[in-house]
Protein backbone atom coordinates (compact mmCIF):
# COMPACT_ATOMS: atom_id res chain seq x y z
CA MET A 1 57.31 32.08 63.51
CA VAL A 2 55.49 33.86 60.67
CA ALA A 3 52.40 32.14 59.29
CA THR A 4 52.45 31.21 55.60
CA SER A 5 49.68 30.57 53.10
CA ARG A 6 50.49 26.89 53.50
CA ASP A 7 49.67 27.15 57.23
CA VAL A 8 46.39 28.91 56.43
CA ALA A 9 45.51 26.23 53.86
CA ARG A 10 46.21 23.44 56.33
CA LEU A 11 44.06 25.04 59.04
CA ALA A 12 41.22 25.84 56.63
CA GLY A 13 41.35 22.39 55.02
CA VAL A 14 41.93 23.69 51.48
CA ALA A 15 44.74 23.75 48.92
CA ARG A 16 47.27 26.59 48.95
CA PRO A 17 46.14 27.98 45.57
CA THR A 18 42.62 28.23 47.00
CA VAL A 19 43.95 30.43 49.80
CA SER A 20 45.56 32.72 47.25
CA ALA A 21 42.41 32.88 45.14
CA ALA A 22 40.17 33.54 48.15
CA LEU A 23 42.37 36.32 49.50
CA ARG A 24 42.39 37.96 46.05
CA GLY A 25 38.59 37.87 46.00
CA ASP A 26 38.28 35.35 43.17
CA PRO A 27 34.55 34.81 42.58
CA ARG A 28 35.10 31.08 41.90
CA VAL A 29 35.77 30.54 45.62
CA THR A 30 32.54 29.96 47.54
CA VAL A 31 31.49 32.28 50.33
CA GLU A 32 31.79 29.46 52.88
CA THR A 33 35.34 28.62 51.77
CA ARG A 34 36.32 32.29 51.82
CA ARG A 35 34.97 32.55 55.37
CA ARG A 36 36.95 29.47 56.51
CA ILE A 37 40.11 30.88 54.96
CA ALA A 38 39.55 34.33 56.48
CA ASP A 39 38.98 32.74 59.90
CA ALA A 40 42.13 30.63 59.57
CA ALA A 41 44.17 33.65 58.42
CA ALA A 42 42.92 35.69 61.37
CA ALA A 43 43.63 32.87 63.84
CA LEU A 44 47.21 32.62 62.57
CA SER A 45 47.71 36.41 62.23
CA TYR A 46 48.57 35.78 58.57
CA VAL A 47 49.81 38.77 56.57
CA PRO A 48 50.33 38.27 52.82
CA SER A 49 53.90 38.80 51.65
CA GLN A 50 54.29 41.67 49.20
CA MET A 51 57.63 40.22 48.13
CA GLY A 52 56.02 36.88 47.36
CA ARG A 53 53.21 38.57 45.44
CA SER A 54 55.72 40.56 43.35
CA LEU A 55 57.56 37.34 42.45
CA SER A 56 54.42 35.73 41.07
CA THR A 57 53.00 38.81 39.35
CA GLN A 58 56.31 40.23 38.08
CA ALA A 59 55.20 43.64 39.42
CA THR A 60 56.29 45.42 42.59
CA GLN A 61 53.58 48.12 42.72
CA ARG A 62 56.34 50.60 43.55
CA VAL A 63 57.36 53.81 41.81
CA ALA A 64 60.86 55.23 41.86
CA MET A 65 61.75 58.89 41.58
CA VAL A 66 65.14 60.33 40.75
CA ALA A 67 65.93 63.97 41.47
CA ASP A 68 69.05 65.94 40.60
CA LEU A 69 69.65 68.21 43.59
CA ALA A 70 72.97 69.57 42.33
CA ASN A 71 71.45 72.68 40.69
C-alpha cells in the first residue's frame, strides 16, 4: 500500500494541510513540526504524488515538443 499525506499527518500528529505546507518548505511551519513530518514521511516511505500536485496547482511542470519528421 502506498503512503498518503493523510498517513503522514496521522503519524506526525498534524493536519494534512500542515504536511503539504511543511513539505513545500512553508516558513510558517515550525522547525520542530517540519522535523516530525519529515520523520513520519521517511518512516512511511512517502513520495509526493506529482499527479496530485498538478491537480491542485493546475500546472504539470511538463513541456511537450512536436516535430515534423516527414521532410
